[in-house]
Amino acid sequence: MNIMITGGAGFIGNHVVRLFVNKYPQHRIVCADKLTYAGNLANLADVEHRENYCFEHVDICDFDSIVALMRKHNIDGIIHLAAESHVDRSIKDPFTFAQTNVMGTLSLLQAANMCWQGNYEGKRFYHISTDEVYGALQMDNPQGGNEPGGGPWGTAFFTEQTPYHPHSPYSAAKASSDHFVRAFHDTYGMPTLISNCSNNYGPYQFPEKLIPLFINNIRHRRPLPVYGKGENVRDWLFVEDHARAIDLIFHEGRVGDTYNIGGFNEWKNIDLIKVLIRTVDRLLGRADGEDDNLITFVTDRAGHDMRYAIDSRKLKTELGWQPSLQFEEGIERTVKWYLENQAWMDNITSGEYMKYYQEMYANR
């Protein structure tokens, strides 16, 4: 197959690209990315010279360029990860999120529709979405379990049948894109797949997100801004486990179906942050709890959903997937990676990586 992975230079995308390039030498993997602030080809330096890999600098909203790219590489499968994904940014600039997440997805769908011309044998359009399209869950048991992360904090979970109820411009844009994917399956018979995943963590995540941001702040003893009281609950999944699920769904998922991907791993933000402090301090040789005073409570985010929790039993039952790592092991690996890759972090936080790409593509 010739597989195009959009957003392949981003956080989740680079893990999916790496997995496919290494696991499927018989497939040609085309990484398609606009290289906005969240895309970084340094994330893929270890596979950039592989014979079955190539990179294409393209905006998914540029319909003509997407059609040309699909024809150039005779694309059989699309794994669509490209998206604006930061809720705070969506609150400040909802237009960009609607343009990229909705119109960009529609551009890809119509390009596939035009290029495949109803010949769907061996074709796949796989759209990666988020659990945030479902809205928020109740906190039936606000005290949770006896230990941090022990939960549960509620009895309800998001299933594939949960009605959509997005609360932020980001989640509303993703919900809209999900509907377009289903519409192309129902209208044109396009072989589509959708998955909705919980919060990811792991190496190469852009440091505006909680875990890499706080690891870096703890290292440099900068404030750790916590929304509200830190009571919001999220279900966390190690990014490599998400990539394995994407691989499985792409190759074995039932066409036209939706799969939820989660870790059954709920944590209150404040408890997660305390684990990060203890882990970073231990690995840096600091005293236990030495940096607890960095926690700084700030005004809560507008429309901040209280709890997300994914029921991924369908994926386990039908395709045999389940998380491979316990959270403590995943966090240990993640913290070590960021501490050992400070040059990567410095390149991101300084903005040097963006200057490099701007110069590289200035005259193209």
Protein backbone atom coordinates (compact mmCIF):
# COMPACT_ATOMS: atom_id res chain seq x y z
CA MET A 1 0.00 0.00 0.00
CA ASN A 2 0.89 3.65 -0.42
CA ILE A 3 -0.23 5.29 2.82
CA MET A 4 -0.45 9.04 3.48
CA ILE A 5 -0.27 10.05 7.14
CA THR A 6 -1.36 13.66 7.60
CA GLY A 7 0.13 15.56 10.52
CA GLY A 8 2.92 13.00 10.55
CA ALA A 9 5.48 15.44 11.96
CA GLY A 10 3.31 16.17 14.99
CA PHE A 11 3.19 14.46 18.37
CA ILE A 12 1.00 11.42 17.71
CA GLY A 13 1.76 11.46 13.99
CA ASN A 14 5.51 10.91 14.32
CA HIS A 15 4.92 7.82 16.44
CA VAL A 16 2.48 6.44 13.86
CA VAL A 17 4.86 7.21 10.97
CA ARG A 18 7.79 5.57 12.79
CA LEU A 19 5.74 2.46 13.60
CA PHE A 20 4.53 2.04 10.01
CA VAL A 21 7.92 2.73 8.42
CA ASN A 22 9.64 0.18 10.65
CA LYS A 23 6.90 -2.46 10.72
CA TYR A 24 5.83 -2.38 7.06
CA PRO A 25 8.83 -2.08 4.72
CA GLN A 26 6.51 -3.21 1.90
CA HIS A 27 4.33 -0.10 2.38
CA ARG A 28 5.32 3.35 1.13
CA ILE A 29 4.69 5.86 3.91
CA VAL A 30 4.08 9.47 2.87
CA CYS A 31 4.27 11.94 5.75
CA ALA A 32 2.16 14.97 4.77
CA ASP A 33 2.49 18.00 7.04
CA LYS A 34 2.15 21.76 6.77
CA LEU A 35 4.77 22.19 9.52
CA THR A 36 2.85 24.63 11.65
CA TYR A 37 4.19 25.36 15.13
CA ALA A 38 3.30 21.81 16.28
CA GLY A 39 5.08 20.01 13.42
CA ASN A 40 8.78 19.24 13.61
CA LEU A 41 10.75 17.04 11.21
CA ALA A 42 13.36 16.52 13.92
CA ASN A 43 10.77 14.17 15.42
CA LEU A 44 11.36 11.84 12.45
CA ALA A 45 15.13 12.14 12.03
CA ASP A 46 15.59 8.44 12.76
CA VAL A 47 13.50 7.35 9.73
CA GLU A 48 14.00 10.18 7.25
CA HIS A 49 16.46 8.20 5.11
CA ARG A 50 14.45 4.99 4.98
CA GLU A 51 13.58 3.82 1.45
CA ASN A 52 9.87 3.40 2.18
CA TYR A 53 9.46 6.91 3.68
CA CYS A 54 9.07 10.33 2.12
CA PHE A 55 7.93 13.74 3.32
CA GLU A 56 5.58 16.13 1.54
CA HIS A 57 5.17 19.72 2.71
CA VAL A 58 1.47 20.42 2.13
CA ASP A 59 -1.54 22.15 3.66
CA ILE A 60 -4.53 19.79 3.88
CA CYS A 61 -6.80 22.77 3.15
CA ASP A 62 -5.12 23.18 -0.27
CA PHE A 63 -7.41 20.87 -2.21
CA ASP A 64 -5.53 20.99 -5.52
CA SER A 65 -2.22 20.17 -3.82
CA ILE A 66 -3.78 17.24 -1.95
CA VAL A 67 -5.23 15.84 -5.19
CA ALA A 68 -1.84 16.21 -6.89
CA LEU A 69 -0.08 14.52 -3.97
CA MET A 70 -2.50 11.60 -3.96
CA ARG A 71 -2.04 11.08 -7.69
CA LYS A 72 1.74 11.46 -7.49
CA HIS A 73 2.02 8.69 -4.90
CA ASN A 74 -1.02 6.65 -5.96
CA ILE A 75 -2.34 6.79 -2.40
CA ASP A 76 -4.36 3.77 -1.25
CA GLY A 77 -4.80 4.65 2.40
CA ILE A 78 -5.09 7.84 4.43
CA ILE A 79 -4.50 8.09 8.17
CA HIS A 80 -5.69 11.57 9.04
CA LEU A 81 -4.06 13.06 12.14
CA ALA A 82 -3.50 16.67 11.03
CA ALA A 83 -5.47 18.99 13.30
CA GLU A 84 -5.34 22.02 15.52
CA SER A 85 -5.69 20.47 18.96
CA HIS A 86 -5.04 22.91 21.81
CA VAL A 87 -8.25 23.99 23.57
CA ASP A 88 -6.83 27.29 24.84
CA ARG A 89 -5.82 28.28 21.31
CA SER A 90 -9.29 27.37 20.02
CA ILE A 91 -10.90 29.71 22.53
CA LYS A 92 -8.74 32.58 21.26
CA ASP A 93 -8.94 31.70 17.55
CA PRO A 94 -11.91 29.46 16.65
CA PHE A 95 -11.69 30.33 12.93
CA THR A 96 -8.34 28.55 12.49
CA PHE A 97 -9.73 25.43 14.16
CA ALA A 98 -12.80 25.38 11.92
CA GLN A 99 -10.64 25.92 8.84
CA THR A 100 -8.09 23.21 9.58
CA ASN A 101 -10.17 20.60 11.37
CA VAL A 102 -13.39 20.89 9.34
CA MET A 103 -12.44 22.21 5.91
CA GLY A 104 -9.11 20.38 5.93
CA THR A 105 -10.85 17.08 6.60
CA LEU A 106 -13.42 17.84 3.90
CA SER A 107 -10.60 18.63 1.48
CA LEU A 108 -9.01 15.22 2.14
CA LEU A 109 -12.32 13.40 1.83
CA GLN A 110 -13.19 15.04 -1.47
CA ALA A 111 -9.68 14.48 -2.82
CA ALA A 112 -9.93 10.78 -1.97
CA ASN A 113 -13.40 10.68 -3.50
CA MET A 114 -12.09 12.23 -6.72
CA CYS A 115 -8.92 10.12 -6.96
CA TRP A 116 -10.46 6.77 -6.05
CA GLN A 117 -13.57 7.36 -8.22
CA GLY A 118 -15.63 4.76 -6.41
CA ASN A 119 -12.97 2.04 -6.79
CA TYR A 120 -12.57 1.34 -3.10
CA GLU A 121 -10.95 -2.08 -3.29
CA GLY A 122 -7.97 -2.01 -0.91
CA LYS A 123 -8.64 1.62 0.07
CA ARG A 124 -9.01 3.08 3.57
CA PHE A 125 -9.72 6.58 4.96
CA TYR A 126 -9.02 6.55 8.70
CA HIS A 127 -9.85 9.68 10.68
CA ILE A 128 -8.37 10.10 14.19
CA SER A 129 -10.60 12.10 16.52
CA THR A 130 -10.82 12.86 20.25
CA ASP A 131 -12.89 11.93 23.28
CA GLU A 132 -13.67 15.64 23.73
CA VAL A 133 -16.42 15.45 21.10
CA TYR A 134 -18.54 13.63 23.70
CA GLY A 135 -18.56 16.54 26.16
CA ALA A 136 -18.06 15.87 29.86
CA LEU A 137 -18.90 13.11 32.34
CA GLN A 138 -20.32 13.43 35.83
CA MET A 139 -18.14 13.23 38.93
CA ASP A 140 -20.31 10.79 40.88
CA ASN A 141 -17.54 10.17 43.40
CA PRO A 142 -15.50 13.39 43.70
CA GLN A 143 -13.16 11.86 46.29
CA GLY A 144 -12.07 9.05 43.99
CA GLY A 145 -10.10 6.09 45.31
CA ASN A 146 -7.76 5.90 48.26
CA GLU A 147 -4.68 6.47 46.11
CA PRO A 148 -3.98 9.10 43.42
CA GLY A 149 -5.22 7.79 40.13
CA GLY A 150 -7.12 5.03 41.92
CA GLY A 151 -10.59 6.31 40.98
CA PRO A 152 -13.08 5.88 39.73
CA TRP A 153 -14.47 9.39 40.04
CA GLY A 154 -17.66 8.40 38.28
CA THR A 155 -19.62 5.45 37.03
CA ALA A 156 -20.16 6.63 33.44
CA PHE A 157 -17.73 6.23 30.54
CA PHE A 158 -17.72 7.42 26.94
CA THR A 159 -18.73 4.60 24.60
CA GLU A 160 -19.06 4.55 20.82
CA GLN A 161 -22.79 5.21 21.30
CA THR A 162 -22.37 8.30 23.51
CA PRO A 163 -24.12 11.31 21.87
CA TYR A 164 -21.87 14.17 20.79
CA HIS A 165 -21.93 17.23 23.06
CA PRO A 166 -18.77 19.30 22.40
CA HIS A 167 -18.11 22.28 24.67
CA SER A 168 -15.08 24.04 23.15
CA PRO A 169 -14.38 25.38 19.64
CA TYR A 170 -11.74 22.64 19.33
CA SER A 171 -14.09 19.79 20.19
CA ALA A 172 -16.88 21.31 18.08
CA ALA A 173 -14.56 21.40 15.05
CA LYS A 174 -13.51 17.79 15.62
CA ALA A 175 -17.14 16.72 16.02
CA SER A 176 -17.99 18.38 12.71
CA SER A 177 -15.11 16.62 10.96
CA ASP A 178 -16.30 13.27 12.37
CA HIS A 179 -19.74 13.89 10.88
CA PHE A 180 -18.26 14.65 7.45
CA VAL A 181 -16.31 11.38 7.52
CA ARG A 182 -19.45 9.40 8.32
CA ALA A 183 -21.37 11.32 5.65
CA PHE A 184 -18.83 10.32 2.98
CA HIS A 185 -19.18 6.69 4.01
CA ASP A 186 -22.98 6.84 3.91
CA THR A 187 -23.24 8.95 0.74
CA TYR A 188 -20.41 7.63 -1.45
CA GLY A 189 -19.66 4.27 0.14
CA MET A 190 -16.14 5.43 1.02
CA PRO A 191 -14.38 2.91 3.31
CA THR A 192 -13.93 5.10 6.38
CA LEU A 193 -12.90 4.45 9.96
CA ILE A 194 -12.96 6.75 13.00
CA SER A 195 -11.34 6.44 16.41
CA ASN A 196 -11.79 8.69 19.44
CA CYS A 197 -8.90 8.67 21.88
CA SER A 198 -8.25 9.94 25.38
CA ASN A 199 -5.36 12.22 26.42
CA ASN A 200 -1.97 11.06 25.10
CA TYR A 201 1.43 11.53 26.73
CA GLY A 202 4.97 10.54 25.83
CA PRO A 203 8.07 11.73 23.91
CA TYR A 204 7.97 14.48 21.27
CA GLN A 205 4.84 16.22 22.58
CA PHE A 206 4.78 19.97 21.92
CA PRO A 207 5.50 21.71 25.26
CA GLU A 208 2.30 23.72 25.44
CA LYS A 209 0.60 20.54 26.70
CA LEU A 210 0.48 19.80 30.41
CA ILE A 211 2.99 16.97 30.85
CA PRO A 212 5.97 18.25 28.78
CA LEU A 213 5.32 21.84 29.89
CA PHE A 214 5.35 20.92 33.56
CA ILE A 215 8.36 18.61 33.27
CA ASN A 216 10.32 21.48 31.75
CA ASN A 217 9.01 23.99 34.30
CA ILE A 218 9.91 21.72 37.22
CA ARG A 219 13.40 21.25 35.82
CA HIS A 220 13.90 25.02 35.64
CA ARG A 221 11.87 25.73 38.80
CA ARG A 222 9.25 27.81 37.04
CA PRO A 223 5.62 28.13 38.23
CA LEU A 224 3.20 25.30 37.43
CA PRO A 225 -0.10 27.02 36.49
CA VAL A 226 -3.02 24.78 37.52
CA TYR A 227 -6.54 25.62 36.33
CA GLY A 228 -9.10 26.05 39.14
CA LYS A 229 -8.36 23.60 41.94
CA GLY A 230 -6.86 20.94 39.68
CA GLU A 231 -9.92 18.74 40.21
CA ASN A 232 -10.52 17.98 36.52
CA VAL A 233 -10.09 14.31 35.63
CA ARG A 234 -8.54 12.94 32.44
CA ASP A 235 -7.94 9.43 31.09
CA TRP A 236 -4.27 9.11 30.03
CA LEU A 237 -2.74 6.82 27.39
CA PHE A 238 0.91 6.38 26.42
CA VAL A 239 1.31 7.58 22.83
CA GLU A 240 2.99 4.40 21.57
CA ASP A 241 -0.03 2.39 22.71
CA HIS A 242 -2.22 4.78 20.72
CA ALA A 243 -0.03 4.22 17.66
CA ARG A 244 -0.44 0.45 18.05
CA ALA A 245 -4.21 0.89 18.22
CA ILE A 246 -4.17 3.02 15.06
CA ASP A 247 -2.16 0.33 13.26
CA LEU A 248 -4.65 -2.34 14.32
CA ILE A 249 -7.76 -0.33 13.41
CA PHE A 250 -6.34 0.71 10.03
CA HIS A 251 -5.57 -2.86 9.01
CA GLU A 252 -8.31 -4.83 10.77
CA GLY A 253 -11.07 -2.42 11.78
CA ARG A 254 -14.57 -2.84 10.39
CA VAL A 255 -15.24 -0.30 7.60
CA GLY A 256 -17.72 2.39 8.57
CA ASP A 257 -17.21 1.76 12.28
CA THR A 258 -15.95 3.80 15.23
CA TYR A 259 -13.55 2.65 17.95
CA ASN A 260 -12.82 4.33 21.28
CA ILE A 261 -9.21 4.18 22.52
CA GLY A 262 -8.52 4.78 26.21
CA GLY A 263 -6.26 3.71 29.02
CA PHE A 264 -8.78 3.06 31.83
CA ASN A 265 -6.35 5.35 33.63
CA GLU A 266 -8.08 8.35 35.21
CA TRP A 267 -6.13 11.00 37.10
CA LYS A 268 -7.07 14.30 38.66
CA ASN A 269 -4.81 17.01 37.24
CA ILE A 270 -3.48 17.95 40.66
CA ASP A 271 -2.56 14.34 41.49
CA LEU A 272 -0.83 13.91 38.13
CA ILE A 273 1.15 17.10 38.68
CA LYS A 274 2.34 15.87 42.09
CA VAL A 275 3.53 12.62 40.47
CA LEU A 276 5.44 14.66 37.88
CA ILE A 277 7.08 16.73 40.62
CA ARG A 278 8.15 13.65 42.57
CA THR A 279 9.46 11.90 39.46
CA VAL A 280 11.42 14.88 38.11
CA ASP A 281 12.86 15.70 41.54
CA ARG A 282 13.95 12.09 42.09
CA LEU A 283 15.60 11.81 38.67
CA LEU A 284 17.38 15.13 39.20
CA GLY A 285 18.57 14.13 42.66
CA ARG A 286 16.39 16.63 44.50
CA ALA A 287 14.58 16.03 47.78
CA ASP A 288 11.11 14.51 47.65
CA GLY A 289 8.51 17.28 47.40
CA GLU A 290 11.17 19.95 47.09
CA ASP A 291 9.34 21.63 44.21
CA ASP A 292 5.74 21.34 45.47
CA ASN A 293 5.77 25.10 46.04
CA LEU A 294 5.87 25.62 42.25
CA ILE A 295 2.15 24.76 42.04
CA THR A 296 0.23 27.95 41.28
CA PHE A 297 -3.57 27.90 40.99
CA VAL A 298 -4.95 30.17 38.25
CA THR A 299 -8.39 31.15 36.97
CA ASP A 300 -10.12 28.18 35.41
CA ARG A 301 -10.41 27.79 31.62
CA ALA A 302 -13.74 28.80 30.07
CA GLY A 303 -15.99 25.78 29.50
CA HIS A 304 -13.51 23.45 31.20
CA ASP A 305 -14.93 19.91 31.08
CA MET A 306 -14.73 18.19 34.46
CA ARG A 307 -14.12 14.55 33.52
CA TYR A 308 -13.27 12.42 30.47
CA ALA A 309 -13.12 8.63 30.64
CA ILE A 310 -13.08 6.22 27.71
CA ASP A 311 -14.62 2.75 27.57
CA SER A 312 -12.37 0.91 25.09
CA ARG A 313 -13.77 -2.59 25.66
CA LYS A 314 -15.03 -2.79 22.08
CA LEU A 315 -11.49 -2.37 20.74
CA LYS A 316 -10.22 -5.02 23.15
CA THR A 317 -13.02 -7.47 22.41
CA GLU A 318 -13.08 -7.13 18.63
CA LEU A 319 -9.43 -6.48 17.78
CA GLY A 320 -7.54 -7.64 20.87
CA TRP A 321 -5.94 -4.28 21.78
CA GLN A 322 -5.14 -3.13 25.28
CA PRO A 323 -2.57 -0.73 26.78
CA SER A 324 0.88 -2.25 27.20
CA LEU A 325 2.19 0.08 29.92
CA GLN A 326 1.10 0.85 33.45
CA PHE A 327 0.90 4.60 33.99
CA GLU A 328 3.80 4.71 36.43
CA GLU A 329 6.11 3.04 33.89
CA GLY A 330 4.90 5.32 31.10
CA ILE A 331 5.45 8.46 33.18
CA GLU A 332 8.93 7.29 34.18
CA ARG A 333 9.88 6.74 30.52
CA THR A 334 8.34 10.06 29.52
CA VAL A 335 10.07 12.14 32.19
CA LYS A 336 13.42 10.50 31.43
CA TRP A 337 13.02 11.22 27.73
CA TYR A 338 12.40 14.95 28.25
CA LEU A 339 15.22 15.26 30.78
CA GLU A 340 17.62 13.49 28.41
CA ASN A 341 16.52 15.50 25.37
CA GLN A 342 16.87 19.05 26.62
CA ALA A 343 18.33 20.15 23.28
CA TRP A 344 15.06 19.13 21.58
CA MET A 345 13.09 21.04 24.19
CA ASP A 346 15.30 24.13 23.89
CA ASN A 347 14.96 24.11 20.11
CA ILE A 348 11.18 24.10 20.47
CA THR A 349 10.87 26.68 23.23
CA SER A 350 13.30 29.06 21.52
CA GLY A 351 11.43 28.85 18.20
CA GLU A 352 14.62 27.96 16.30
CA TYR A 353 12.97 24.97 14.65
CA MET A 354 10.34 27.25 13.02
CA LYS A 355 13.01 29.59 11.60
CA TYR A 356 14.67 26.57 10.00
CA TYR A 357 11.48 25.47 8.24
CA GLN A 358 10.58 28.99 7.17
CA GLU A 359 13.93 29.29 5.42
CA MET A 360 13.73 25.78 3.97
CA TYR A 361 10.34 26.31 2.29
CA ALA A 362 10.50 30.06 1.64
CA ASN A 363 11.04 29.71 -2.09
CA ARG A 364 8.95 26.61 -2.77
